[in-house]
Amino acid sequence: MLKLPCENIVKYVIPSLRGEIVRSLYKKYKMEQKEIADILGLSQPSISYYINNKRGEYLEILEEYKDQIQEISLIIAKQKQFPQDKVFSIICSICQCIKKDKCFDQLK
């Protein structure tokens, strides 16, 4: 059975995006794991998994969105809150990319 693009987004893209944001907040902005967990609505052990690359594996297709991901990290670090509207717009952009064959093939 063919997987729908949304299934691949949930399985690969969202964890990778979270991982990039978490690692940036932890390494670049020196935020504590508990603080990151509280802001993102995740558990501290989940944050640890992202930081240690046990979850949220890097995806090349996110390279195109690197600046936007860093912008999200900066906003979170400064405002100490999660910018839903910005994240949703990036996810929608990525979804559009994945609907194209080249991007979809990278996630299989």
C-alpha atoms as a PDB file:
ATOM      1  CA  MET A   1       0.000   0.000   0.000  1.00  0.00           C
ATOM      2  CA  LEU A   2       1.268   3.428  -0.909  1.00  0.00           C
ATOM      3  CA  LYS A   3       1.948   5.759   2.000  1.00  0.00           C
ATOM      4  CA  LEU A   4       0.287   9.133   1.870  1.00  0.00           C
ATOM      5  CA  PRO A   5       2.589  12.169   1.979  1.00  0.00           C
ATOM      6  CA  CYS A   6       1.097  13.156   5.341  1.00  0.00           C
ATOM      7  CA  GLU A   7       2.224   9.839   6.847  1.00  0.00           C
ATOM      8  CA  ASN A   8       5.800  10.540   5.781  1.00  0.00           C
ATOM      9  CA  ILE A   9       5.599  14.069   7.140  1.00  0.00           C
ATOM     10  CA  VAL A  10       4.516  12.795  10.549  1.00  0.00           C
ATOM     11  CA  LYS A  11       7.088  10.010  10.570  1.00  0.00           C
ATOM     12  CA  TYR A  12      10.134  11.843   9.202  1.00  0.00           C
ATOM     13  CA  VAL A  13       9.749  15.594   8.699  1.00  0.00           C
ATOM     14  CA  ILE A  14       8.178  16.708  11.964  1.00  0.00           C
ATOM     15  CA  PRO A  15      10.650  14.815  14.192  1.00  0.00           C
ATOM     16  CA  SER A  16      13.545  16.138  12.117  1.00  0.00           C
ATOM     17  CA  LEU A  17      12.237  19.689  12.332  1.00  0.00           C
ATOM     18  CA  ARG A  18      11.787  19.376  16.094  1.00  0.00           C
ATOM     19  CA  GLY A  19      15.276  17.933  16.387  1.00  0.00           C
ATOM     20  CA  GLU A  20      16.823  20.868  14.545  1.00  0.00           C
ATOM     21  CA  ILE A  21      14.970  23.364  16.737  1.00  0.00           C
ATOM     22  CA  VAL A  22      15.807  21.532  19.987  1.00  0.00           C
ATOM     23  CA  ARG A  23      19.494  21.168  19.138  1.00  0.00           C
ATOM     24  CA  SER A  24      19.700  24.838  18.205  1.00  0.00           C
ATOM     25  CA  LEU A  25      18.018  25.965  21.421  1.00  0.00           C
ATOM     26  CA  TYR A  26      20.281  23.756  23.495  1.00  0.00           C
ATOM     27  CA  LYS A  27      23.609  24.340  21.749  1.00  0.00           C
ATOM     28  CA  LYS A  28      23.368  27.835  20.275  1.00  0.00           C
ATOM     29  CA  TYR A  29      21.118  29.522  22.833  1.00  0.00           C
ATOM     30  CA  LYS A  30      22.291  27.511  25.865  1.00  0.00           C
ATOM     31  CA  MET A  31      18.764  26.762  27.052  1.00  0.00           C
ATOM     32  CA  GLU A  32      18.232  23.996  29.602  1.00  0.00           C
ATOM     33  CA  GLN A  33      16.458  20.806  28.598  1.00  0.00           C
ATOM     34  CA  LYS A  34      13.603  21.381  31.054  1.00  0.00           C
ATOM     35  CA  GLU A  35      12.992  24.884  29.717  1.00  0.00           C
ATOM     36  CA  ILE A  36      12.955  23.639  26.115  1.00  0.00           C
ATOM     37  CA  ALA A  37      10.592  20.823  27.098  1.00  0.00           C
ATOM     38  CA  ASP A  38       8.187  23.244  28.792  1.00  0.00           C
ATOM     39  CA  ILE A  39       8.130  25.627  25.822  1.00  0.00           C
ATOM     40  CA  LEU A  40       7.678  22.907  23.197  1.00  0.00           C
ATOM     41  CA  GLY A  41       5.238  20.832  25.240  1.00  0.00           C
ATOM     42  CA  LEU A  42       7.520  17.796  25.255  1.00  0.00           C
ATOM     43  CA  SER A  43       9.066  15.745  28.035  1.00  0.00           C
ATOM     44  CA  GLN A  44      12.642  16.329  29.203  1.00  0.00           C
ATOM     45  CA  PRO A  45      13.643  12.785  28.135  1.00  0.00           C
ATOM     46  CA  SER A  46      12.327  13.555  24.621  1.00  0.00           C
ATOM     47  CA  ILE A  47      14.494  16.668  24.530  1.00  0.00           C
ATOM     48  CA  SER A  48      17.479  14.549  25.553  1.00  0.00           C
ATOM     49  CA  TYR A  49      16.785  12.122  22.693  1.00  0.00           C
ATOM     50  CA  TYR A  50      16.697  14.998  20.197  1.00  0.00           C
ATOM     51  CA  ILE A  51      19.914  16.514  21.557  1.00  0.00           C
ATOM     52  CA  ASN A  52      21.727  13.172  21.417  1.00  0.00           C
ATOM     53  CA  ASN A  53      20.451  12.414  17.890  1.00  0.00           C
ATOM     54  CA  LYS A  54      18.433   9.392  19.019  1.00  0.00           C
ATOM     55  CA  ARG A  55      15.312  11.022  17.588  1.00  0.00           C
ATOM     56  CA  GLY A  56      14.753  13.620  14.883  1.00  0.00           C
ATOM     57  CA  GLU A  57      17.320  12.459  12.360  1.00  0.00           C
ATOM     58  CA  TYR A  58      18.584  15.153   9.967  1.00  0.00           C
ATOM     59  CA  LEU A  59      16.814  15.307   6.595  1.00  0.00           C
ATOM     60  CA  GLU A  60      18.423  16.957   3.579  1.00  0.00           C
ATOM     61  CA  ILE A  61      15.104  18.360   2.405  1.00  0.00           C
ATOM     62  CA  LEU A  62      15.108  20.627   5.470  1.00  0.00           C
ATOM     63  CA  GLU A  63      18.333  22.290   4.311  1.00  0.00           C
ATOM     64  CA  GLU A  64      16.253  24.617   2.153  1.00  0.00           C
ATOM     65  CA  TYR A  65      14.455  25.763   5.329  1.00  0.00           C
ATOM     66  CA  LYS A  66      17.574  26.161   7.490  1.00  0.00           C
ATOM     67  CA  ASP A  67      17.244  29.941   7.841  1.00  0.00           C
ATOM     68  CA  GLN A  68      13.570  29.696   8.754  1.00  0.00           C
ATOM     69  CA  ILE A  69      14.307  26.985  11.332  1.00  0.00           C
ATOM     70  CA  GLN A  70      17.009  29.172  12.877  1.00  0.00           C
ATOM     71  CA  GLU A  71      14.556  32.081  12.918  1.00  0.00           C
ATOM     72  CA  ILE A  72      12.094  29.911  14.847  1.00  0.00           C
ATOM     73  CA  SER A  73      14.830  28.983  17.323  1.00  0.00           C
ATOM     74  CA  LEU A  74      15.740  32.648  17.805  1.00  0.00           C
ATOM     75  CA  ILE A  75      12.119  33.633  18.407  1.00  0.00           C
ATOM     76  CA  ILE A  76      11.698  30.834  20.943  1.00  0.00           C
ATOM     77  CA  ALA A  77      14.947  31.773  22.707  1.00  0.00           C
ATOM     78  CA  LYS A  78      13.983  35.456  22.916  1.00  0.00           C
ATOM     79  CA  GLN A  79      10.265  35.151  23.644  1.00  0.00           C
ATOM     80  CA  LYS A  80      10.363  31.903  25.636  1.00  0.00           C
ATOM     81  CA  GLN A  81       7.293  30.671  23.785  1.00  0.00           C
ATOM     82  CA  PHE A  82       6.420  28.526  20.761  1.00  0.00           C
ATOM     83  CA  PRO A  83       5.600  30.516  17.569  1.00  0.00           C
ATOM     84  CA  GLN A  84       2.838  28.277  16.160  1.00  0.00           C
ATOM     85  CA  ASP A  85       2.035  30.456  13.165  1.00  0.00           C
ATOM     86  CA  LYS A  86       5.659  30.493  11.952  1.00  0.00           C
ATOM     87  CA  VAL A  87       6.101  26.751  12.439  1.00  0.00           C
ATOM     88  CA  PHE A  88       2.863  25.960  10.660  1.00  0.00           C
ATOM     89  CA  SER A  89       3.845  28.037   7.626  1.00  0.00           C
ATOM     90  CA  ILE A  90       7.181  26.189   7.358  1.00  0.00           C
ATOM     91  CA  ILE A  91       5.502  22.802   7.719  1.00  0.00           C
ATOM     92  CA  CYS A  92       3.044  23.741   4.972  1.00  0.00           C
ATOM     93  CA  SER A  93       5.933  24.771   2.713  1.00  0.00           C
ATOM     94  CA  ILE A  94       7.654  21.459   3.351  1.00  0.00           C
ATOM     95  CA  CYS A  95       4.423  19.574   2.681  1.00  0.00           C
ATOM     96  CA  GLN A  96       4.195  21.250  -0.720  1.00  0.00           C
ATOM     97  CA  CYS A  97       7.754  20.116  -1.452  1.00  0.00           C
ATOM     98  CA  ILE A  98       7.062  16.543  -0.381  1.00  0.00           C
ATOM     99  CA  LYS A  99       4.102  16.340  -2.721  1.00  0.00           C
ATOM    100  CA  LYS A 100       6.605  16.620  -5.571  1.00  0.00           C
ATOM    101  CA  ASP A 101       8.216  13.324  -6.550  1.00  0.00           C
ATOM    102  CA  LYS A 102      11.819  14.343  -5.880  1.00  0.00           C
ATOM    103  CA  CYS A 103      11.170  15.246  -2.253  1.00  0.00           C
ATOM    104  CA  PHE A 104       8.795  12.366  -1.654  1.00  0.00           C
ATOM    105  CA  ASP A 105      11.402   9.878  -2.836  1.00  0.00           C
ATOM    106  CA  GLN A 106      13.885  11.159  -0.228  1.00  0.00           C
ATOM    107  CA  LEU A 107      11.531  10.102   2.568  1.00  0.00           C
ATOM    108  CA  LYS A 108      10.828   6.533   1.434  1.00  0.00           C
END
